[in-house]
C-alpha atoms as a PDB file:
ATOM      1  CA  MET A   1       0.019  -0.021  -0.018  1.00  0.00           C
ATOM      2  CA  THR A   2       1.422   3.399  -0.984  1.00  0.00           C
ATOM      3  CA  GLN A   3       1.557   6.285   1.397  1.00  0.00           C
ATOM      4  CA  PRO A   4      -0.206   9.549   0.590  1.00  0.00           C
ATOM      5  CA  ALA A   5       2.183  11.901  -1.331  1.00  0.00           C
ATOM      6  CA  GLN A   6       2.047  14.561   1.390  1.00  0.00           C
ATOM      7  CA  ASP A   7       3.574  12.017   3.855  1.00  0.00           C
ATOM      8  CA  LEU A   8       6.506  11.165   1.605  1.00  0.00           C
ATOM      9  CA  PRO A   9       9.818  12.967   1.227  1.00  0.00           C
ATOM     10  CA  PRO A  10       9.995  15.045  -1.976  1.00  0.00           C
ATOM     11  CA  ILE A  11      11.396  13.417  -5.072  1.00  0.00           C
ATOM     12  CA  PRO A  12      14.646  14.994  -6.260  1.00  0.00           C
ATOM     13  CA  ALA A  13      14.230  17.887  -8.686  1.00  0.00           C
ATOM     14  CA  PRO A  14      15.731  17.625 -12.141  1.00  0.00           C
ATOM     15  CA  LEU A  15      18.963  19.515 -12.701  1.00  0.00           C
ATOM     16  CA  THR A  16      18.369  22.403 -14.966  1.00  0.00           C
ATOM     17  CA  GLN A  17      20.752  23.422 -17.765  1.00  0.00           C
ATOM     18  CA  PRO A  18      21.010  26.779 -19.587  1.00  0.00           C
ATOM     19  CA  GLU A  19      19.429  25.284 -22.746  1.00  0.00           C
ATOM     20  CA  SER A  20      16.457  23.995 -20.751  1.00  0.00           C
ATOM     21  CA  ASP A  21      15.862  27.072 -18.560  1.00  0.00           C
ATOM     22  CA  PHE A  22      13.062  28.337 -20.851  1.00  0.00           C
ATOM     23  CA  TYR A  23      11.318  24.920 -20.647  1.00  0.00           C
ATOM     24  CA  TRP A  24      11.404  24.896 -16.759  1.00  0.00           C
ATOM     25  CA  GLU A  25      10.202  28.531 -16.625  1.00  0.00           C
ATOM     26  CA  LYS A  26       7.211  27.593 -18.752  1.00  0.00           C
ATOM     27  CA  CYS A  27       6.542  24.471 -16.701  1.00  0.00           C
ATOM     28  CA  LYS A  28       6.534  26.703 -13.609  1.00  0.00           C
ATOM     29  CA  ALA A  29       3.712  28.579 -15.331  1.00  0.00           C
ATOM     30  CA  ASN A  30       1.942  25.194 -15.982  1.00  0.00           C
ATOM     31  CA  GLU A  31       2.665  25.385 -19.734  1.00  0.00           C
ATOM     32  CA  LEU A  32       4.322  22.643 -21.795  1.00  0.00           C
ATOM     33  CA  TRP A  33       6.737  23.886 -24.451  1.00  0.00           C
ATOM     34  CA  LEU A  34       8.830  21.764 -26.786  1.00  0.00           C
ATOM     35  CA  ARG A  35      11.817  22.305 -29.053  1.00  0.00           C
ATOM     36  CA  HIS A  36      11.004  22.308 -32.722  1.00  0.00           C
ATOM     37  CA  CYS A  37      13.402  21.919 -35.642  1.00  0.00           C
ATOM     38  CA  LYS A  38      12.746  24.312 -38.498  1.00  0.00           C
ATOM     39  CA  SER A  39      14.907  22.223 -40.860  1.00  0.00           C
ATOM     40  CA  CYS A  40      13.137  18.884 -40.555  1.00  0.00           C
ATOM     41  CA  ASP A  41       9.875  20.220 -38.978  1.00  0.00           C
ATOM     42  CA  GLN A  42      10.064  17.803 -36.005  1.00  0.00           C
ATOM     43  CA  ALA A  43       9.225  18.565 -32.406  1.00  0.00           C
ATOM     44  CA  TYR A  44      11.348  16.794 -29.849  1.00  0.00           C
ATOM     45  CA  PHE A  45      12.057  16.278 -26.191  1.00  0.00           C
ATOM     46  CA  TYR A  46      14.395  16.733 -24.111  1.00  0.00           C
ATOM     47  CA  PRO A  47      14.950  20.446 -24.778  1.00  0.00           C
ATOM     48  CA  ARG A  48      18.356  20.998 -26.402  1.00  0.00           C
ATOM     49  CA  ASP A  49      19.655  23.325 -29.036  1.00  0.00           C
ATOM     50  CA  ILE A  50      20.583  20.628 -31.632  1.00  0.00           C
ATOM     51  CA  CYS A  51      17.820  18.600 -33.287  1.00  0.00           C
ATOM     52  CA  PRO A  52      18.338  14.899 -32.483  1.00  0.00           C
ATOM     53  CA  ASN A  53      16.670  13.978 -35.800  1.00  0.00           C
ATOM     54  CA  CYS A  54      18.790  15.917 -38.341  1.00  0.00           C
ATOM     55  CA  PHE A  55      21.383  17.634 -36.091  1.00  0.00           C
ATOM     56  CA  SER A  56      20.337  21.103 -37.247  1.00  0.00           C
ATOM     57  CA  ARG A  57      20.802  24.106 -34.939  1.00  0.00           C
ATOM     58  CA  ASP A  58      17.875  25.924 -36.654  1.00  0.00           C
ATOM     59  CA  THR A  59      15.486  25.337 -33.778  1.00  0.00           C
ATOM     60  CA  ASP A  60      12.790  27.208 -31.899  1.00  0.00           C
ATOM     61  CA  TRP A  61      10.209  26.682 -29.252  1.00  0.00           C
ATOM     62  CA  ILE A  62       6.518  25.675 -29.789  1.00  0.00           C
ATOM     63  CA  GLN A  63       3.794  25.502 -27.161  1.00  0.00           C
ATOM     64  CA  SER A  64       2.083  22.150 -26.721  1.00  0.00           C
ATOM     65  CA  SER A  65      -1.584  21.783 -25.953  1.00  0.00           C
ATOM     66  CA  GLY A  66      -0.544  19.080 -23.446  1.00  0.00           C
ATOM     67  CA  GLN A  67      -2.808  16.551 -25.178  1.00  0.00           C
ATOM     68  CA  GLY A  68      -1.333  13.239 -26.258  1.00  0.00           C
ATOM     69  CA  THR A  69      -1.624   9.456 -26.260  1.00  0.00           C
ATOM     70  CA  LEU A  70      -0.018   6.841 -24.107  1.00  0.00           C
ATOM     71  CA  HIS A  71       2.781   5.287 -26.187  1.00  0.00           C
ATOM     72  CA  THR A  72       3.999   2.804 -23.599  1.00  0.00           C
ATOM     73  CA  PHE A  73       4.056   2.244 -19.828  1.00  0.00           C
ATOM     74  CA  SER A  74       5.375   0.108 -17.015  1.00  0.00           C
ATOM     75  CA  ILE A  75       4.019  -0.322 -13.531  1.00  0.00           C
ATOM     76  CA  VAL A  76       6.999  -0.005 -11.202  1.00  0.00           C
ATOM     77  CA  HIS A  77       6.858  -2.288  -8.125  1.00  0.00           C
ATOM     78  CA  ARG A  78      10.480  -1.810  -6.998  1.00  0.00           C
ATOM     79  CA  GLY A  79      11.758   1.715  -7.002  1.00  0.00           C
ATOM     80  CA  PRO A  80      15.366   2.380  -7.845  1.00  0.00           C
ATOM     81  CA  THR A  81      16.139   4.516  -4.823  1.00  0.00           C
ATOM     82  CA  PRO A  82      14.649   4.906  -1.331  1.00  0.00           C
ATOM     83  CA  VAL A  83      12.570   7.996  -2.187  1.00  0.00           C
ATOM     84  CA  PHE A  84      10.943   6.071  -5.113  1.00  0.00           C
ATOM     85  CA  ARG A  85      10.620   2.774  -3.193  1.00  0.00           C
ATOM     86  CA  ASP A  86       8.180   4.490  -0.839  1.00  0.00           C
ATOM     87  CA  ARG A  87       5.972   5.376  -3.824  1.00  0.00           C
ATOM     88  CA  VAL A  88       5.479   2.023  -5.411  1.00  0.00           C
ATOM     89  CA  PRO A  89       3.503   1.038  -7.289  1.00  0.00           C
ATOM     90  CA  TYR A  90       3.684   3.894  -9.745  1.00  0.00           C
ATOM     91  CA  ILE A  91       3.367   4.182 -13.518  1.00  0.00           C
ATOM     92  CA  ALA A  92       6.371   5.139 -15.624  1.00  0.00           C
ATOM     93  CA  ALA A  93       5.243   6.037 -19.151  1.00  0.00           C
ATOM     94  CA  ILE A  94       6.152   7.544 -22.477  1.00  0.00           C
ATOM     95  CA  VAL A  95       3.547   9.908 -23.883  1.00  0.00           C
ATOM     96  CA  GLU A  96       3.430  11.040 -27.474  1.00  0.00           C
ATOM     97  CA  VAL A  97       2.063  14.573 -27.536  1.00  0.00           C
ATOM     98  CA  GLU A  98       0.093  15.919 -30.466  1.00  0.00           C
ATOM     99  CA  SER A  99       3.279  17.339 -32.114  1.00  0.00           C
ATOM    100  CA  GLY A 100       4.790  13.838 -32.327  1.00  0.00           C
ATOM    101  CA  ALA A 101       7.408  14.345 -29.555  1.00  0.00           C
ATOM    102  CA  ARG A 102       7.632  11.531 -27.049  1.00  0.00           C
ATOM    103  CA  ILE A 103       8.121  12.443 -23.400  1.00  0.00           C
ATOM    104  CA  PRO A 104       9.180  10.152 -20.545  1.00  0.00           C
ATOM    105  CA  THR A 105       6.889  10.855 -17.661  1.00  0.00           C
ATOM    106  CA  ASN A 106       4.616   9.343 -14.980  1.00  0.00           C
ATOM    107  CA  LEU A 107       0.940   8.534 -15.511  1.00  0.00           C
ATOM    108  CA  VAL A 108      -1.000   9.852 -12.554  1.00  0.00           C
ATOM    109  CA  GLU A 109      -4.606  10.026 -11.315  1.00  0.00           C
ATOM    110  CA  ILE A 110      -5.268   6.470 -12.328  1.00  0.00           C
ATOM    111  CA  GLU A 111      -4.812   3.187 -10.390  1.00  0.00           C
ATOM    112  CA  PRO A 112      -1.718   1.195 -11.389  1.00  0.00           C
ATOM    113  CA  ASP A 113      -3.910  -1.559 -12.781  1.00  0.00           C
ATOM    114  CA  PRO A 114      -3.030  -2.944 -16.287  1.00  0.00           C
ATOM    115  CA  ALA A 115      -6.735  -3.527 -16.904  1.00  0.00           C
ATOM    116  CA  LEU A 116      -7.326   0.267 -16.675  1.00  0.00           C
ATOM    117  CA  ILE A 117      -4.314   1.477 -18.678  1.00  0.00           C
ATOM    118  CA  LYS A 118      -4.401   1.129 -22.396  1.00  0.00           C
ATOM    119  CA  ILE A 119      -1.730   1.929 -25.007  1.00  0.00           C
ATOM    120  CA  GLY A 120      -3.153   4.640 -27.223  1.00  0.00           C
ATOM    121  CA  MET A 121      -5.424   6.091 -24.497  1.00  0.00           C
ATOM    122  CA  ALA A 122      -5.842   9.884 -24.537  1.00  0.00           C
ATOM    123  CA  VAL A 123      -3.900  11.666 -21.875  1.00  0.00           C
ATOM    124  CA  GLU A 124      -3.381  15.302 -20.805  1.00  0.00           C
ATOM    125  CA  VAL A 125      -0.585  17.118 -18.975  1.00  0.00           C
ATOM    126  CA  VAL A 126      -0.772  18.075 -15.291  1.00  0.00           C
ATOM    127  CA  PHE A 127       1.982  19.634 -13.249  1.00  0.00           C
ATOM    128  CA  GLN A 128       3.325  18.607  -9.898  1.00  0.00           C
ATOM    129  CA  GLN A 129       5.134  21.302  -7.958  1.00  0.00           C
ATOM    130  CA  LEU A 130       8.381  19.879  -6.605  1.00  0.00           C
ATOM    131  CA  ASP A 131       9.798  23.080  -5.155  1.00  0.00           C
ATOM    132  CA  ASP A 132       9.733  26.829  -5.776  1.00  0.00           C
ATOM    133  CA  ASN A 133      11.620  26.408  -9.090  1.00  0.00           C
ATOM    134  CA  ILE A 134      10.339  23.198 -10.594  1.00  0.00           C
ATOM    135  CA  ASN A 135       6.864  22.080 -11.723  1.00  0.00           C
ATOM    136  CA  LEU A 136       7.198  18.599 -13.174  1.00  0.00           C
ATOM    137  CA  PRO A 137       4.938  17.669 -16.110  1.00  0.00           C
ATOM    138  CA  MET A 138       3.090  14.409 -15.729  1.00  0.00           C
ATOM    139  CA  PHE A 139       0.065  13.020 -17.591  1.00  0.00           C
ATOM    140  CA  ARG A 140      -3.338  11.745 -16.530  1.00  0.00           C
ATOM    141  CA  PRO A 141      -6.165  10.181 -18.517  1.00  0.00           C
ATOM    142  CA  ALA A 142      -7.895  12.878 -20.534  1.00  0.00           C
ATOM    143  CA  SER A 143     -11.227  14.048 -19.182  1.00  0.00           C
END
């Protein structure tokens, strides 16, 4: 049985990098922004200046609606570190947002039951505030 989140120690915040500062600022405002390559017209995640598809530096930012589909998932029963062990079971997932970018994330606001979770199900972004600087995007079943 998992403990309520408010009774657990906070999960470690991601380390920000200069090329991802814009992304984290927008997440703090509960907005999901992605990098977009103007050369190959592909959106991608994790935010970085060089397109991982064609290696172009001709990139910009696009705002995502936060709507997507569940690409894959795994129900974690053994967390990798103590702070995650106290949260099991939880759902690690990859979501494909409407732009085509795939984002590693957690699926929240649904029981970790394989009978309830379906590849291709519609999901939407929600943000979990980790600290004063980081709101972490996660996804829940779309309403």
